[in-house]
Amino acid sequence: MSLLSQGKPARIKSVVGNNTGTTAEDVYTCPANCRADISFIHVLNVGATNTITLDWLQAVGSVSTKILSAKSFATGAFEQFADIRIALAAGDKIRITPGSAGDVETIITVTETFNPVG
């Protein structure tokens, strides 16, 4: 039995984000009745030089934890977290916020484990 799924139904998926503005984009939101284990994050700046903030917003208490904080990215620069391990609860989000309008792309790989209620 896997420690990730512990005998519960689980699925692995990748989600993408493409932020061209300056407001926070919810790249991934953990669904209700699930736990999500993030194992990979890739952030790419396609547009002009930009500062990028990547954060984890916890649904309980609205606590924001920075993964990247206003990091400067040249055109074509990327940051990859291939060995990251973050366990999200239902409603938790991973968000990306560019400092200026451009084209910031994000890929997140996650294992969602269903937690039945009742």
Protein backbone atom coordinates (compact mmCIF):
# COMPACT_ATOMS: atom_id res chain seq x y z
CA MET A 1 0.00 0.00 0.00
CA SER A 2 1.28 3.43 -0.96
CA LEU A 3 1.83 5.98 1.79
CA LEU A 4 0.28 8.59 -0.52
CA SER A 5 -3.07 6.87 -1.07
CA GLN A 6 -3.24 4.66 2.05
CA GLY A 7 -5.79 2.44 0.31
CA LYS A 8 -8.04 5.36 -0.70
CA PRO A 9 -8.88 6.25 -4.30
CA ALA A 10 -6.26 8.61 -5.74
CA ARG A 11 -5.34 10.16 -9.08
CA ILE A 12 -2.27 11.90 -10.41
CA LYS A 13 -2.76 14.89 -12.68
CA SER A 14 -0.98 17.94 -14.01
CA VAL A 15 -2.59 21.37 -14.19
CA VAL A 16 -1.43 24.45 -16.07
CA GLY A 17 -1.76 28.17 -15.55
CA ASN A 18 -1.12 31.06 -17.91
CA ASN A 19 -1.19 34.45 -16.21
CA THR A 20 -0.97 37.51 -18.49
CA GLY A 21 -2.11 40.08 -15.91
CA THR A 22 -0.91 41.33 -12.53
CA THR A 23 -3.47 39.74 -10.19
CA ALA A 24 -3.06 36.45 -8.37
CA GLU A 25 -4.12 33.44 -10.43
CA ASP A 26 -5.28 30.26 -8.70
CA VAL A 27 -3.24 27.69 -10.61
CA TYR A 28 -4.50 24.80 -8.46
CA THR A 29 -7.21 24.44 -5.82
CA CYS A 30 -7.49 21.25 -3.77
CA PRO A 31 -11.03 19.86 -4.23
CA ALA A 32 -13.47 19.22 -1.39
CA ASN A 33 -13.08 15.87 0.37
CA CYS A 34 -9.51 15.49 -0.91
CA ARG A 35 -5.94 15.85 0.14
CA ALA A 36 -3.49 16.93 -2.56
CA ASP A 37 0.21 16.07 -2.56
CA ILE A 38 2.17 18.38 -4.85
CA SER A 39 5.32 16.78 -6.24
CA PHE A 40 6.35 19.14 -9.06
CA ILE A 41 6.06 22.86 -9.88
CA HIS A 42 7.46 24.57 -12.98
CA VAL A 43 7.26 28.36 -13.50
CA LEU A 44 8.30 29.93 -16.82
CA ASN A 45 8.44 33.62 -17.74
CA VAL A 46 7.63 33.80 -21.46
CA GLY A 47 7.22 37.59 -21.62
CA ALA A 48 9.54 40.47 -20.78
CA THR A 49 11.55 40.55 -17.53
CA ASN A 50 9.15 40.23 -14.62
CA THR A 51 9.02 39.61 -10.87
CA ILE A 52 6.99 36.59 -9.87
CA THR A 53 5.48 35.50 -6.57
CA LEU A 54 4.30 31.92 -6.05
CA ASP A 55 2.42 31.15 -2.87
CA TRP A 56 0.39 28.51 -1.04
CA LEU A 57 -2.85 29.91 0.38
CA GLN A 58 -4.30 27.78 3.17
CA ALA A 59 -8.08 27.72 3.28
CA VAL A 60 -8.17 27.58 7.08
CA GLY A 61 -7.07 30.95 8.40
CA SER A 62 -6.21 32.35 4.95
CA VAL A 63 -2.49 31.95 5.70
CA SER A 64 -0.25 32.68 2.70
CA THR A 65 3.17 31.02 2.54
CA LYS A 66 5.59 32.20 -0.16
CA ILE A 67 7.34 29.61 -2.32
CA LEU A 68 8.87 32.39 -4.47
CA SER A 69 8.74 36.00 -3.30
CA ALA A 70 9.00 38.70 -5.99
CA LYS A 71 11.79 36.78 -7.74
CA SER A 72 13.11 38.46 -10.89
CA PHE A 73 12.82 36.39 -14.07
CA ALA A 74 14.40 37.37 -17.39
CA THR A 75 12.61 36.44 -20.61
CA GLY A 76 12.69 32.66 -20.96
CA ALA A 77 13.87 32.10 -17.38
CA PHE A 78 12.26 29.37 -15.33
CA GLU A 79 12.26 27.89 -11.84
CA GLN A 80 11.56 24.23 -11.32
CA PHE A 81 10.78 22.44 -8.06
CA ALA A 82 11.19 18.78 -9.01
CA ASP A 83 11.57 17.42 -5.48
CA ILE A 84 8.98 19.53 -3.70
CA ARG A 85 6.53 17.93 -1.28
CA ILE A 86 3.55 19.99 -0.16
CA ALA A 87 0.38 18.46 1.33
CA LEU A 88 -2.69 20.60 0.68
CA ALA A 89 -6.02 20.31 2.47
CA ALA A 90 -9.40 20.85 0.80
CA GLY A 91 -9.70 24.46 -0.38
CA ASP A 92 -5.96 25.21 -0.23
CA LYS A 93 -4.56 26.94 -3.34
CA ILE A 94 -1.31 27.43 -5.19
CA ARG A 95 -1.27 30.94 -6.71
CA ILE A 96 1.02 32.81 -9.08
CA THR A 97 1.26 36.62 -9.22
CA PRO A 98 3.37 38.48 -11.80
CA GLY A 99 4.66 41.94 -10.87
CA SER A 100 3.78 43.31 -14.32
CA ALA A 101 1.63 42.19 -17.25
CA GLY A 102 3.34 39.61 -19.41
CA ASP A 103 3.10 35.86 -19.88
CA VAL A 104 3.89 33.60 -16.93
CA GLU A 105 3.18 29.89 -17.35
CA THR A 106 2.93 27.32 -14.56
CA ILE A 107 2.74 23.52 -14.47
CA ILE A 108 1.87 21.65 -11.26
CA THR A 109 1.78 17.86 -10.81
CA VAL A 110 -0.38 16.67 -7.95
CA THR A 111 -1.76 13.44 -6.48
CA GLU A 112 -5.32 13.93 -5.21
CA THR A 113 -6.46 11.44 -2.58
CA PHE A 114 -10.19 11.18 -1.88
CA ASN A 115 -11.15 11.45 1.79
CA PRO A 116 -14.76 10.26 2.19
CA VAL A 117 -16.94 12.05 4.69
CA GLY A 118 -19.02 10.21 7.22
